Amino acid sequence: MKKTTVICFANNKGGSGKSTTCANVGYALAQSGRKVLLIDGDMQLNLSLSFFDEDSVFEMAAGAKNLFRVMQGRAVLEECVTDTKYENLWLVPSSTLMSGIEFELFPKLQREFILRKALAAIKESGKYDYILVDAPPTLGTWVINILAASDKVVIPVEASPWGLFGLANMFEFIGEIRGIAPQLEVLGITVTKVSERKNYFKQTMQTLAESGNYVFENYVRVDVNIEKAQDESQPVIAFSPKSRSSQEFIALAKEIDEKCQ
């Protein structure tokens, strides 16, 4: 039986490129032959919108088979797995009702472990090589759930003057979660939205290097094709395979895959 690795993409700062990175790394891993399940954990639905048009996403969000229904105990995770049009790639959609997830979790017994329990059967089945979870930009009980259910965390950081704000809080938060989820490991920091001509890119890389945390060698530069792909509800690798960002996401996915072996 193959081992399933659960990786969450998390950063408490919005706009860091979490959903885009999760979508494209997942797609690249699937194209390399890995079986990948994506889980959209954010009420903004961006991961779902990376693979389905807006009408389909809102239909799934309002339906009975999405992540919010699982967390309510009204659906089983396996029943919410949706086929994408890509080989080796599946998605559990989110819901706009996830805006109330903190209130939903609050009265539950062992509320920090609801997602871990929901994932248990599908993880133990070995059906997937990877389960990738897109976390919202918060540090509440729901993100505790996601981290506690994960084996590894990838932290996307935007190469901008404000990109590093809150990163220390993120690492402190992860350290606290390890008290209840000792398996959790920071796989690395990936730098996104890079413009090499700007001084703050060098400053970002230098600061991260001095932090002592692992920084992935492959970073993703600013590319207009990413926004075009989002407009077409596709990962940029599918939309424009030869684009610069596509090659960078493919290289990043390979690096992640190698670190997980």
Protein backbone atom coordinates (compact mmCIF):
# COMPACT_ATOMS: atom_id res chain seq x y z
CA MET A 1 0.00 0.00 0.00
CA LYS A 2 1.38 3.41 -0.94
CA LYS A 3 1.87 6.12 1.63
CA THR A 4 -0.30 9.21 1.28
CA THR A 5 1.34 12.51 2.21
CA VAL A 6 -0.89 15.39 3.28
CA ILE A 7 0.57 18.83 2.49
CA CYS A 8 -1.14 22.08 3.35
CA PHE A 9 -0.35 25.42 1.74
CA ALA A 10 -0.68 28.05 4.44
CA ASN A 11 0.19 31.64 5.28
CA ASN A 12 -1.76 33.95 7.54
CA LYS A 13 -1.10 36.80 5.10
CA GLY A 14 -3.50 37.06 2.19
CA GLY A 15 -2.29 37.52 -1.38
CA SER A 16 0.72 35.24 -0.97
CA GLY A 17 -0.26 32.97 -3.87
CA LYS A 18 -1.36 29.97 -1.79
CA SER A 19 -4.24 28.85 -4.01
CA THR A 20 -2.34 29.37 -7.26
CA THR A 21 0.67 27.48 -5.91
CA CYS A 22 -1.48 24.65 -4.55
CA ALA A 23 -3.38 24.32 -7.85
CA ASN A 24 -0.31 24.30 -10.07
CA VAL A 25 1.83 22.09 -7.85
CA GLY A 26 -1.09 19.65 -7.69
CA TYR A 27 -1.52 19.73 -11.45
CA ALA A 28 2.22 19.26 -12.05
CA LEU A 29 2.39 16.31 -9.65
CA ALA A 30 -0.62 14.73 -11.37
CA GLN A 31 0.98 15.19 -14.79
CA SER A 32 4.11 13.46 -13.50
CA GLY A 33 2.03 10.39 -12.62
CA ARG A 34 1.24 11.06 -8.98
CA LYS A 35 -2.36 10.65 -7.88
CA VAL A 36 -3.42 13.90 -6.23
CA LEU A 37 -6.47 14.95 -4.23
CA LEU A 38 -6.93 18.68 -3.77
CA ILE A 39 -8.99 20.01 -0.86
CA ASP A 40 -10.28 23.57 -1.00
CA GLY A 41 -10.32 24.81 2.59
CA ASP A 42 -11.04 28.47 1.88
CA MET A 43 -14.42 30.18 1.65
CA GLN A 44 -13.05 32.28 -1.24
CA LEU A 45 -13.21 29.11 -3.40
CA ASN A 46 -10.07 30.04 -5.37
CA LEU A 47 -8.73 26.49 -5.57
CA SER A 48 -12.08 25.24 -6.87
CA LEU A 49 -12.17 28.11 -9.38
CA SER A 50 -8.78 26.97 -10.68
CA PHE A 51 -10.46 23.89 -12.16
CA PHE A 52 -14.15 24.66 -12.62
CA ASP A 53 -16.11 27.59 -14.01
CA GLU A 54 -17.86 29.96 -11.63
CA ASP A 55 -21.35 28.51 -12.11
CA SER A 56 -20.15 24.99 -11.37
CA VAL A 57 -18.19 26.11 -8.33
CA PHE A 58 -21.13 27.96 -6.79
CA GLU A 59 -23.39 25.00 -7.51
CA MET A 60 -21.00 22.68 -5.66
CA ALA A 61 -20.62 25.25 -2.86
CA ALA A 62 -24.38 25.33 -2.31
CA GLY A 63 -24.80 21.57 -2.60
CA ALA A 64 -24.61 18.67 -0.18
CA LYS A 65 -21.15 17.41 -1.15
CA ASN A 66 -18.50 19.88 -0.16
CA LEU A 67 -15.99 20.34 2.64
CA PHE A 68 -18.34 22.36 4.85
CA ARG A 69 -20.88 19.53 4.85
CA VAL A 70 -18.08 17.14 5.87
CA MET A 71 -17.11 19.37 8.78
CA GLN A 72 -20.78 19.53 9.82
CA GLY A 73 -20.87 15.74 9.89
CA ARG A 74 -23.50 15.68 7.13
CA ALA A 75 -21.27 14.15 4.45
CA VAL A 76 -18.36 11.72 4.20
CA LEU A 77 -15.21 13.09 2.61
CA GLU A 78 -14.91 10.26 0.10
CA GLU A 79 -18.40 11.09 -1.24
CA CYS A 80 -17.37 14.70 -1.89
CA VAL A 81 -14.43 13.88 -4.16
CA THR A 82 -15.11 15.40 -7.58
CA ASP A 83 -13.41 14.46 -10.85
CA THR A 84 -11.52 17.23 -12.61
CA LYS A 85 -10.99 17.03 -16.37
CA TYR A 86 -7.34 16.19 -15.76
CA GLU A 87 -5.88 12.72 -15.27
CA ASN A 88 -4.78 11.76 -11.74
CA LEU A 89 -6.35 14.88 -10.22
CA TRP A 90 -9.43 15.17 -8.00
CA LEU A 91 -10.96 17.93 -5.88
CA VAL A 92 -13.04 18.27 -2.73
CA PRO A 93 -14.78 21.64 -3.27
CA SER A 94 -15.29 24.32 -0.66
CA SER A 95 -18.37 26.36 0.21
CA THR A 96 -19.07 30.00 0.94
CA LEU A 97 -20.60 28.68 4.16
CA MET A 98 -17.04 28.09 5.33
CA SER A 99 -17.27 31.69 6.54
CA GLY A 100 -19.02 30.19 9.57
CA ILE A 101 -16.64 27.29 10.13
CA GLU A 102 -15.24 28.68 13.40
CA PHE A 103 -18.74 28.78 14.92
CA GLU A 104 -19.43 25.30 13.52
CA LEU A 105 -16.32 23.85 15.16
CA PHE A 106 -16.52 25.63 18.51
CA PRO A 107 -18.97 23.30 20.35
CA LYS A 108 -17.50 20.07 18.95
CA LEU A 109 -15.51 17.64 21.09
CA GLN A 110 -11.81 17.54 20.12
CA ARG A 111 -12.57 20.22 17.56
CA GLU A 112 -8.91 20.53 16.49
CA PHE A 113 -9.01 17.03 15.00
CA ILE A 114 -12.25 16.99 13.00
CA LEU A 115 -10.50 17.21 9.63
CA ARG A 116 -7.89 14.64 10.61
CA LYS A 117 -10.65 12.19 11.46
CA ALA A 118 -12.48 12.99 8.22
CA LEU A 119 -9.30 12.30 6.24
CA ALA A 120 -8.34 9.12 8.08
CA ALA A 121 -10.08 6.54 5.89
CA ILE A 122 -9.09 8.11 2.58
CA LYS A 123 -5.50 8.56 3.74
CA GLU A 124 -5.22 5.01 5.02
CA SER A 125 -6.60 3.63 1.75
CA GLY A 126 -3.45 4.73 -0.06
CA LYS A 127 -5.51 5.73 -3.08
CA TYR A 128 -3.64 9.01 -3.46
CA ASP A 129 0.04 9.86 -3.36
CA TYR A 130 -0.70 13.37 -2.19
CA ILE A 131 -3.54 15.25 -0.55
CA LEU A 132 -2.98 19.00 -0.95
CA VAL A 133 -5.01 21.37 1.22
CA ASP A 134 -5.42 25.08 0.49
CA ALA A 135 -5.77 26.90 3.83
CA PRO A 136 -7.39 30.32 4.34
CA PRO A 137 -5.25 33.30 5.44
CA THR A 138 -6.16 33.08 9.13
CA LEU A 139 -4.79 31.51 12.31
CA GLY A 140 -8.00 30.21 13.88
CA THR A 141 -9.42 26.85 14.87
CA TRP A 142 -10.03 25.90 11.24
CA VAL A 143 -6.38 26.37 10.28
CA ILE A 144 -5.42 24.42 13.41
CA ASN A 145 -7.58 21.62 11.97
CA ILE A 146 -5.80 21.78 8.63
CA LEU A 147 -2.32 21.82 10.15
CA ALA A 148 -3.15 19.03 12.61
CA ALA A 149 -4.35 16.88 9.71
CA SER A 150 -1.24 17.54 7.62
CA ASP A 151 2.15 15.86 7.47
CA LYS A 152 3.87 18.86 5.94
CA VAL A 153 3.26 22.55 5.32
CA VAL A 154 4.46 24.71 2.44
CA ILE A 155 4.45 28.45 3.12
CA PRO A 156 4.13 30.66 0.01
CA VAL A 157 5.61 34.12 0.56
CA GLU A 158 5.11 37.03 -1.79
CA ALA A 159 8.31 38.85 -2.81
CA SER A 160 7.07 42.29 -1.79
CA PRO A 161 7.83 44.89 0.89
CA TRP A 162 5.01 43.49 3.03
CA GLY A 163 5.40 39.85 2.01
CA LEU A 164 7.23 38.80 5.18
CA PHE A 165 4.83 40.51 7.57
CA GLY A 166 3.35 37.96 9.95
CA LEU A 167 5.74 35.16 8.95
CA ALA A 168 7.21 34.97 12.46
CA ASN A 169 3.67 34.59 13.83
CA MET A 170 3.05 31.78 11.34
CA PHE A 171 6.10 29.84 12.53
CA GLU A 172 5.18 30.42 16.17
CA PHE A 173 1.67 29.15 15.43
CA ILE A 174 3.03 26.04 13.69
CA GLY A 175 5.31 25.41 16.65
CA GLU A 176 2.32 25.44 18.98
CA ILE A 177 0.37 23.09 16.71
CA ARG A 178 3.23 20.60 16.86
CA GLY A 179 2.32 20.13 20.50
CA ILE A 180 -0.84 18.32 19.37
CA ALA A 181 0.40 17.23 15.93
CA PRO A 182 4.06 16.19 16.30
CA GLN A 183 4.13 14.76 12.77
CA LEU A 184 3.82 18.23 11.25
CA GLU A 185 6.92 19.42 9.40
CA VAL A 186 7.61 22.67 7.57
CA LEU A 187 8.61 21.41 4.15
CA GLY A 188 9.77 24.84 3.07
CA ILE A 189 9.03 28.40 2.03
CA THR A 190 8.30 29.11 -1.62
CA VAL A 191 8.68 32.64 -2.93
CA THR A 192 5.99 33.88 -5.32
CA LYS A 193 5.21 36.94 -7.46
CA VAL A 194 8.90 37.58 -8.00
CA SER A 195 10.20 40.54 -9.99
CA GLU A 196 13.97 40.13 -10.11
CA ARG A 197 14.47 43.74 -11.15
CA LYS A 198 13.17 45.05 -7.85
CA ASN A 199 15.41 45.40 -4.81
CA TYR A 200 12.91 43.93 -2.38
CA PHE A 201 13.21 40.53 -4.09
CA LYS A 202 16.87 40.35 -3.04
CA GLN A 203 15.95 41.63 0.40
CA THR A 204 13.24 38.97 0.73
CA MET A 205 15.60 36.15 -0.27
CA GLN A 206 18.34 37.41 2.06
CA THR A 207 15.95 37.71 5.01
CA LEU A 208 14.56 34.22 4.40
CA ALA A 209 18.06 32.75 4.05
CA GLU A 210 19.05 34.28 7.38
CA SER A 211 15.93 32.91 9.07
CA GLY A 212 17.33 29.39 9.07
CA ASN A 213 14.24 27.93 7.38
CA TYR A 214 14.41 25.93 4.17
CA VAL A 215 13.61 28.02 1.10
CA PHE A 216 12.82 26.16 -2.11
CA GLU A 217 15.35 26.78 -4.85
CA ASN A 218 12.59 27.26 -7.38
CA TYR A 219 10.57 30.45 -7.10
CA VAL A 220 7.75 31.77 -9.30
CA ARG A 221 8.05 35.09 -11.10
CA VAL A 222 5.29 37.49 -12.04
CA ASP A 223 3.63 36.28 -15.25
CA VAL A 224 0.54 37.67 -16.97
CA ASN A 225 -0.32 34.11 -18.04
CA ILE A 226 -1.22 33.24 -14.45
CA GLU A 227 -4.08 35.74 -14.42
CA LYS A 228 -5.17 34.69 -17.91
CA ALA A 229 -5.29 31.08 -16.77
CA GLN A 230 -7.34 32.00 -13.70
CA ASP A 231 -9.81 33.78 -15.96
CA GLU A 232 -10.19 30.50 -17.88
CA SER A 233 -10.49 28.40 -14.70
CA GLN A 234 -7.29 26.52 -15.45
CA PRO A 235 -3.89 26.04 -13.85
CA VAL A 236 -1.36 28.07 -15.81
CA ILE A 237 0.53 24.86 -16.69
CA ALA A 238 -2.55 23.63 -18.55
CA PHE A 239 -3.36 27.02 -20.03
CA SER A 240 0.14 27.93 -21.24
CA PRO A 241 2.50 24.96 -20.84
CA LYS A 242 5.53 26.74 -22.28
CA SER A 243 5.18 29.91 -20.23
CA ARG A 244 7.86 30.88 -17.75
CA SER A 245 5.63 30.43 -14.71
CA SER A 246 4.53 26.98 -15.91
CA GLN A 247 8.11 25.79 -16.02
CA GLU A 248 8.75 27.29 -12.60
CA PHE A 249 5.73 25.57 -11.04
CA ILE A 250 6.77 22.27 -12.62
CA ALA A 251 10.27 22.64 -11.16
CA LEU A 252 8.81 23.54 -7.75
CA ALA A 253 6.52 20.49 -7.81
CA LYS A 254 9.49 18.26 -8.63
CA GLU A 255 11.44 19.74 -5.74
CA ILE A 256 8.50 19.18 -3.37
CA ASP A 257 8.09 15.61 -4.61
CA GLU A 258 11.77 14.85 -4.10
CA LYS A 259 11.72 16.28 -0.57
CA CYS A 260 8.76 14.05 0.33
CA GLN A 261 10.43 10.81 -0.73
